Amino acid sequence: MLDIIFASAVYDMGLSVFPTDTYYRYMEIFMRGKDTFASTTKSMEKVINMQLERLTKAG
């Protein structure tokens, strides 16, 4: 049973590391019933990539 649990464990970086920049923005779009996921993703791509670079260099 533990093998199944450990094999299926996931870590949501969008929610855990930078929720303001990703999770909450997507949830706001979803809750308002809009269809702007692609343009929102494109608009924050550069910022998220910079944050990911910083995290990988620090770790």
PDB file of N, CA and C in Angstrom:
ATOM      1  N   MET A   1       0.822  -1.193   0.000  1.00  0.00           N
ATOM      2  CA  MET A   1       0.000   0.000   0.000  1.00  0.00           C
ATOM      3  C   MET A   1       0.869   1.261   0.000  1.00  0.00           C
ATOM      4  N   LEU A   2       1.931   1.251   0.783  1.00  0.00           N
ATOM      5  CA  LEU A   2       2.824   2.417   0.807  1.00  0.00           C
ATOM      6  C   LEU A   2       3.484   2.643  -0.548  1.00  0.00           C
ATOM      7  N   ASP A   3       3.776   1.564  -1.261  1.00  0.00           N
ATOM      8  CA  ASP A   3       4.353   1.698  -2.600  1.00  0.00           C
ATOM      9  C   ASP A   3       3.419   2.488  -3.511  1.00  0.00           C
ATOM     10  N   ILE A   4       2.139   2.213  -3.430  1.00  0.00           N
ATOM     11  CA  ILE A   4       1.155   2.918  -4.256  1.00  0.00           C
ATOM     12  C   ILE A   4       1.096   4.394  -3.857  1.00  0.00           C
ATOM     13  N   ILE A   5       1.113   4.657  -2.577  1.00  0.00           N
ATOM     14  CA  ILE A   5       1.054   6.043  -2.095  1.00  0.00           C
ATOM     15  C   ILE A   5       2.276   6.827  -2.551  1.00  0.00           C
ATOM     16  N   PHE A   6       3.461   6.276  -2.336  1.00  0.00           N
ATOM     17  CA  PHE A   6       4.684   6.982  -2.714  1.00  0.00           C
ATOM     18  C   PHE A   6       4.837   7.117  -4.223  1.00  0.00           C
ATOM     19  N   ALA A   7       4.371   6.139  -4.968  1.00  0.00           N
ATOM     20  CA  ALA A   7       4.474   6.186  -6.429  1.00  0.00           C
ATOM     21  C   ALA A   7       3.531   7.220  -7.034  1.00  0.00           C
ATOM     22  N   SER A   8       2.466   7.551  -6.327  1.00  0.00           N
ATOM     23  CA  SER A   8       1.500   8.488  -6.885  1.00  0.00           C
ATOM     24  C   SER A   8       1.550   9.868  -6.231  1.00  0.00           C
ATOM     25  N   ALA A   9       2.521  10.106  -5.378  1.00  0.00           N
ATOM     26  CA  ALA A   9       2.634  11.406  -4.711  1.00  0.00           C
ATOM     27  C   ALA A   9       3.047  12.476  -5.720  1.00  0.00           C
ATOM     28  N   VAL A  10       2.443  13.642  -5.618  1.00  0.00           N
ATOM     29  CA  VAL A  10       2.777  14.759  -6.497  1.00  0.00           C
ATOM     30  C   VAL A  10       3.021  16.008  -5.655  1.00  0.00           C
ATOM     31  N   TYR A  11       3.731  16.937  -6.238  1.00  0.00           N
ATOM     32  CA  TYR A  11       4.023  18.201  -5.579  1.00  0.00           C
ATOM     33  C   TYR A  11       3.589  19.313  -6.515  1.00  0.00           C
ATOM     34  N   ASP A  12       2.614  20.079  -6.130  1.00  0.00           N
ATOM     35  CA  ASP A  12       2.085  21.145  -6.964  1.00  0.00           C
ATOM     36  C   ASP A  12       2.864  22.426  -6.694  1.00  0.00           C
ATOM     37  N   MET A  13       3.846  22.710  -7.534  1.00  0.00           N
ATOM     38  CA  MET A  13       4.665  23.911  -7.335  1.00  0.00           C
ATOM     39  C   MET A  13       3.849  25.181  -7.519  1.00  0.00           C
ATOM     40  N   GLY A  14       2.883  25.155  -8.400  1.00  0.00           N
ATOM     41  CA  GLY A  14       2.048  26.331  -8.611  1.00  0.00           C
ATOM     42  C   GLY A  14       1.299  26.737  -7.365  1.00  0.00           C
ATOM     43  N   LEU A  15       0.863  25.767  -6.602  1.00  0.00           N
ATOM     44  CA  LEU A  15       0.130  26.056  -5.373  1.00  0.00           C
ATOM     45  C   LEU A  15       1.068  26.248  -4.189  1.00  0.00           C
ATOM     46  N   SER A  16       2.180  25.528  -4.161  1.00  0.00           N
ATOM     47  CA  SER A  16       3.067  25.547  -3.006  1.00  0.00           C
ATOM     48  C   SER A  16       4.125  26.642  -3.051  1.00  0.00           C
ATOM     49  N   VAL A  17       4.673  26.916  -4.217  1.00  0.00           N
ATOM     50  CA  VAL A  17       5.804  27.835  -4.319  1.00  0.00           C
ATOM     51  C   VAL A  17       5.393  29.245  -4.711  1.00  0.00           C
ATOM     52  N   PHE A  18       4.570  29.376  -5.720  1.00  0.00           N
ATOM     53  CA  PHE A  18       4.137  30.709  -6.140  1.00  0.00           C
ATOM     54  C   PHE A  18       2.642  30.737  -6.446  1.00  0.00           C
ATOM     55  N   PRO A  19       1.817  30.576  -5.414  1.00  0.00           N
ATOM     56  CA  PRO A  19       0.373  30.509  -5.641  1.00  0.00           C
ATOM     57  C   PRO A  19      -0.235  31.804  -6.164  1.00  0.00           C
ATOM     58  N   THR A  20       0.307  32.942  -5.778  1.00  0.00           N
ATOM     59  CA  THR A  20      -0.248  34.217  -6.237  1.00  0.00           C
ATOM     60  C   THR A  20      -0.083  34.370  -7.733  1.00  0.00           C
ATOM     61  N   ASP A  21       1.046  33.910  -8.266  1.00  0.00           N
ATOM     62  CA  ASP A  21       1.325  34.069  -9.687  1.00  0.00           C
ATOM     63  C   ASP A  21       0.626  33.048 -10.566  1.00  0.00           C
ATOM     64  N   THR A  22       0.231  31.909 -10.014  1.00  0.00           N
ATOM     65  CA  THR A  22      -0.373  30.884 -10.862  1.00  0.00           C
ATOM     66  C   THR A  22      -1.739  30.436 -10.366  1.00  0.00           C
ATOM     67  N   TYR A  23      -1.759  29.737  -9.287  1.00  0.00           N
ATOM     68  CA  TYR A  23      -2.989  29.088  -8.814  1.00  0.00           C
ATOM     69  C   TYR A  23      -4.152  30.056  -8.671  1.00  0.00           C
ATOM     70  N   TYR A  24      -3.939  31.141  -7.957  1.00  0.00           N
ATOM     71  CA  TYR A  24      -5.039  32.067  -7.701  1.00  0.00           C
ATOM     72  C   TYR A  24      -5.499  32.772  -8.974  1.00  0.00           C
ATOM     73  N   ARG A  25      -4.578  33.046  -9.886  1.00  0.00           N
ATOM     74  CA  ARG A  25      -4.982  33.666 -11.154  1.00  0.00           C
ATOM     75  C   ARG A  25      -5.845  32.722 -11.980  1.00  0.00           C
ATOM     76  N   TYR A  26      -5.447  31.451 -12.033  1.00  0.00           N
ATOM     77  CA  TYR A  26      -6.241  30.475 -12.775  1.00  0.00           C
ATOM     78  C   TYR A  26      -7.593  30.241 -12.110  1.00  0.00           C
ATOM     79  N   MET A  27      -7.614  30.193 -10.796  1.00  0.00           N
ATOM     80  CA  MET A  27      -8.882  29.995 -10.090  1.00  0.00           C
ATOM     81  C   MET A  27      -9.826  31.175 -10.317  1.00  0.00           C
ATOM     82  N   GLU A  28      -9.276  32.370 -10.368  1.00  0.00           N
ATOM     83  CA  GLU A  28     -10.101  33.552 -10.627  1.00  0.00           C
ATOM     84  C   GLU A  28     -10.740  33.469 -12.014  1.00  0.00           C
ATOM     85  N   ILE A  29      -9.954  33.065 -13.001  1.00  0.00           N
ATOM     86  CA  ILE A  29     -10.479  32.909 -14.359  1.00  0.00           C
ATOM     87  C   ILE A  29     -11.589  31.864 -14.368  1.00  0.00           C
ATOM     88  N   PHE A  30     -11.329  30.741 -13.727  1.00  0.00           N
ATOM     89  CA  PHE A  30     -12.310  29.665 -13.680  1.00  0.00           C
ATOM     90  C   PHE A  30     -13.599  30.107 -12.993  1.00  0.00           C
ATOM     91  N   MET A  31     -13.470  30.759 -11.850  1.00  0.00           N
ATOM     92  CA  MET A  31     -14.645  31.163 -11.077  1.00  0.00           C
ATOM     93  C   MET A  31     -15.484  32.212 -11.811  1.00  0.00           C
ATOM     94  N   ARG A  32     -14.849  33.024 -12.625  1.00  0.00           N
ATOM     95  CA  ARG A  32     -15.591  34.039 -13.387  1.00  0.00           C
ATOM     96  C   ARG A  32     -16.165  33.488 -14.684  1.00  0.00           C
ATOM     97  N   GLY A  33     -15.802  32.239 -15.014  1.00  0.00           N
ATOM     98  CA  GLY A  33     -16.341  31.606 -16.213  1.00  0.00           C
ATOM     99  C   GLY A  33     -15.765  32.161 -17.502  1.00  0.00           C
ATOM    100  N   LYS A  34     -14.553  32.677 -17.434  1.00  0.00           N
ATOM    101  CA  LYS A  34     -13.926  33.241 -18.633  1.00  0.00           C
ATOM    102  C   LYS A  34     -13.081  32.179 -19.322  1.00  0.00           C
ATOM    103  N   ASP A  35     -12.714  32.452 -20.561  1.00  0.00           N
ATOM    104  CA  ASP A  35     -11.887  31.532 -21.334  1.00  0.00           C
ATOM    105  C   ASP A  35     -10.601  32.239 -21.747  1.00  0.00           C
ATOM    106  N   THR A  36      -9.827  32.658 -20.753  1.00  0.00           N
ATOM    107  CA  THR A  36      -8.582  33.381 -21.037  1.00  0.00           C
ATOM    108  C   THR A  36      -7.362  32.654 -20.479  1.00  0.00           C
ATOM    109  N   PHE A  37      -7.449  31.330 -20.350  1.00  0.00           N
ATOM    110  CA  PHE A  37      -6.344  30.560 -19.788  1.00  0.00           C
ATOM    111  C   PHE A  37      -5.079  30.670 -20.626  1.00  0.00           C
ATOM    112  N   ALA A  38      -5.206  30.580 -21.934  1.00  0.00           N
ATOM    113  CA  ALA A  38      -4.034  30.624 -22.813  1.00  0.00           C
ATOM    114  C   ALA A  38      -3.341  31.983 -22.750  1.00  0.00           C
ATOM    115  N   SER A  39      -4.105  33.061 -22.820  1.00  0.00           N
ATOM    116  CA  SER A  39      -3.478  34.386 -22.787  1.00  0.00           C
ATOM    117  C   SER A  39      -2.892  34.693 -21.410  1.00  0.00           C
ATOM    118  N   THR A  40      -3.530  34.210 -20.355  1.00  0.00           N
ATOM    119  CA  THR A  40      -2.996  34.400 -19.008  1.00  0.00           C
ATOM    120  C   THR A  40      -1.684  33.640 -18.849  1.00  0.00           C
ATOM    121  N   THR A  41      -1.649  32.416 -19.330  1.00  0.00           N
ATOM    122  CA  THR A  41      -0.431  31.609 -19.259  1.00  0.00           C
ATOM    123  C   THR A  41       0.695  32.289 -20.018  1.00  0.00           C
ATOM    124  N   LYS A  42       0.407  32.780 -21.200  1.00  0.00           N
ATOM    125  CA  LYS A  42       1.417  33.466 -22.004  1.00  0.00           C
ATOM    126  C   LYS A  42       1.914  34.726 -21.300  1.00  0.00           C
ATOM    127  N   SER A  43       1.024  35.459 -20.658  1.00  0.00           N
ATOM    128  CA  SER A  43       1.417  36.716 -20.017  1.00  0.00           C
ATOM    129  C   SER A  43       2.310  36.499 -18.797  1.00  0.00           C
ATOM    130  N   MET A  44       2.210  35.350 -18.140  1.00  0.00           N
ATOM    131  CA  MET A  44       3.027  35.133 -16.947  1.00  0.00           C
ATOM    132  C   MET A  44       4.169  34.148 -17.180  1.00  0.00           C
ATOM    133  N   GLU A  45       4.360  33.714 -18.408  1.00  0.00           N
ATOM    134  CA  GLU A  45       5.391  32.732 -18.737  1.00  0.00           C
ATOM    135  C   GLU A  45       6.792  33.198 -18.351  1.00  0.00           C
ATOM    136  N   LYS A  46       7.151  34.417 -18.667  1.00  0.00           N
ATOM    137  CA  LYS A  46       8.489  34.919 -18.394  1.00  0.00           C
ATOM    138  C   LYS A  46       8.773  34.969 -16.885  1.00  0.00           C
ATOM    139  N   VAL A  47       7.820  35.452 -16.119  1.00  0.00           N
ATOM    140  CA  VAL A  47       7.988  35.565 -14.668  1.00  0.00           C
ATOM    141  C   VAL A  47       8.139  34.186 -14.030  1.00  0.00           C
ATOM    142  N   ILE A  48       7.309  33.247 -14.436  1.00  0.00           N
ATOM    143  CA  ILE A  48       7.363  31.895 -13.876  1.00  0.00           C
ATOM    144  C   ILE A  48       8.681  31.218 -14.242  1.00  0.00           C
ATOM    145  N   ASN A  49       9.127  31.376 -15.478  1.00  0.00           N
ATOM    146  CA  ASN A  49      10.403  30.784 -15.881  1.00  0.00           C
ATOM    147  C   ASN A  49      11.567  31.367 -15.083  1.00  0.00           C
ATOM    148  N   MET A  50      11.548  32.662 -14.811  1.00  0.00           N
ATOM    149  CA  MET A  50      12.602  33.273 -13.996  1.00  0.00           C
ATOM    150  C   MET A  50      12.569  32.717 -12.579  1.00  0.00           C
ATOM    151  N   GLN A  51      11.393  32.551 -12.020  1.00  0.00           N
ATOM    152  CA  GLN A  51      11.273  31.998 -10.674  1.00  0.00           C
ATOM    153  C   GLN A  51      11.755  30.550 -10.621  1.00  0.00           C
ATOM    154  N   LEU A  52      11.423  29.778 -11.646  1.00  0.00           N
ATOM    155  CA  LEU A  52      11.883  28.392 -11.699  1.00  0.00           C
ATOM    156  C   LEU A  52      13.401  28.324 -11.814  1.00  0.00           C
ATOM    157  N   GLU A  53      14.005  29.199 -12.595  1.00  0.00           N
ATOM    158  CA  GLU A  53      15.466  29.235 -12.700  1.00  0.00           C
ATOM    159  C   GLU A  53      16.103  29.537 -11.349  1.00  0.00           C
ATOM    160  N   ARG A  54      15.555  30.522 -10.649  1.00  0.00           N
ATOM    161  CA  ARG A  54      16.078  30.877  -9.327  1.00  0.00           C
ATOM    162  C   ARG A  54      15.976  29.712  -8.362  1.00  0.00           C
ATOM    163  N   LEU A  55      14.856  29.007  -8.390  1.00  0.00           N
ATOM    164  CA  LEU A  55      14.662  27.879  -7.497  1.00  0.00           C
ATOM    165  C   LEU A  55      15.628  26.737  -7.796  1.00  0.00           C
ATOM    166  N   THR A  56      15.856  26.465  -9.076  1.00  0.00           N
ATOM    167  CA  THR A  56      16.761  25.365  -9.421  1.00  0.00           C
ATOM    168  C   THR A  56      18.202  25.694  -9.108  1.00  0.00           C
ATOM    169  N   LYS A  57      18.580  26.955  -9.216  1.00  0.00           N
ATOM    170  CA  LYS A  57      19.943  27.370  -8.870  1.00  0.00           C
ATOM    171  C   LYS A  57      20.153  27.343  -7.364  1.00  0.00           C
ATOM    172  N   ALA A  58      19.128  27.682  -6.596  1.00  0.00           N
ATOM    173  CA  ALA A  58      19.239  27.731  -5.138  1.00  0.00           C
ATOM    174  C   ALA A  58      19.281  26.336  -4.527  1.00  0.00           C
ATOM    175  N   GLY A  59      18.656  25.384  -5.187  1.00  0.00           N
ATOM    176  CA  GLY A  59      18.507  24.058  -4.602  1.00  0.00           C
ATOM    177  C   GLY A  59      19.603  23.158  -4.957  1.00  0.00           C
TER     178      GLY A  59
END
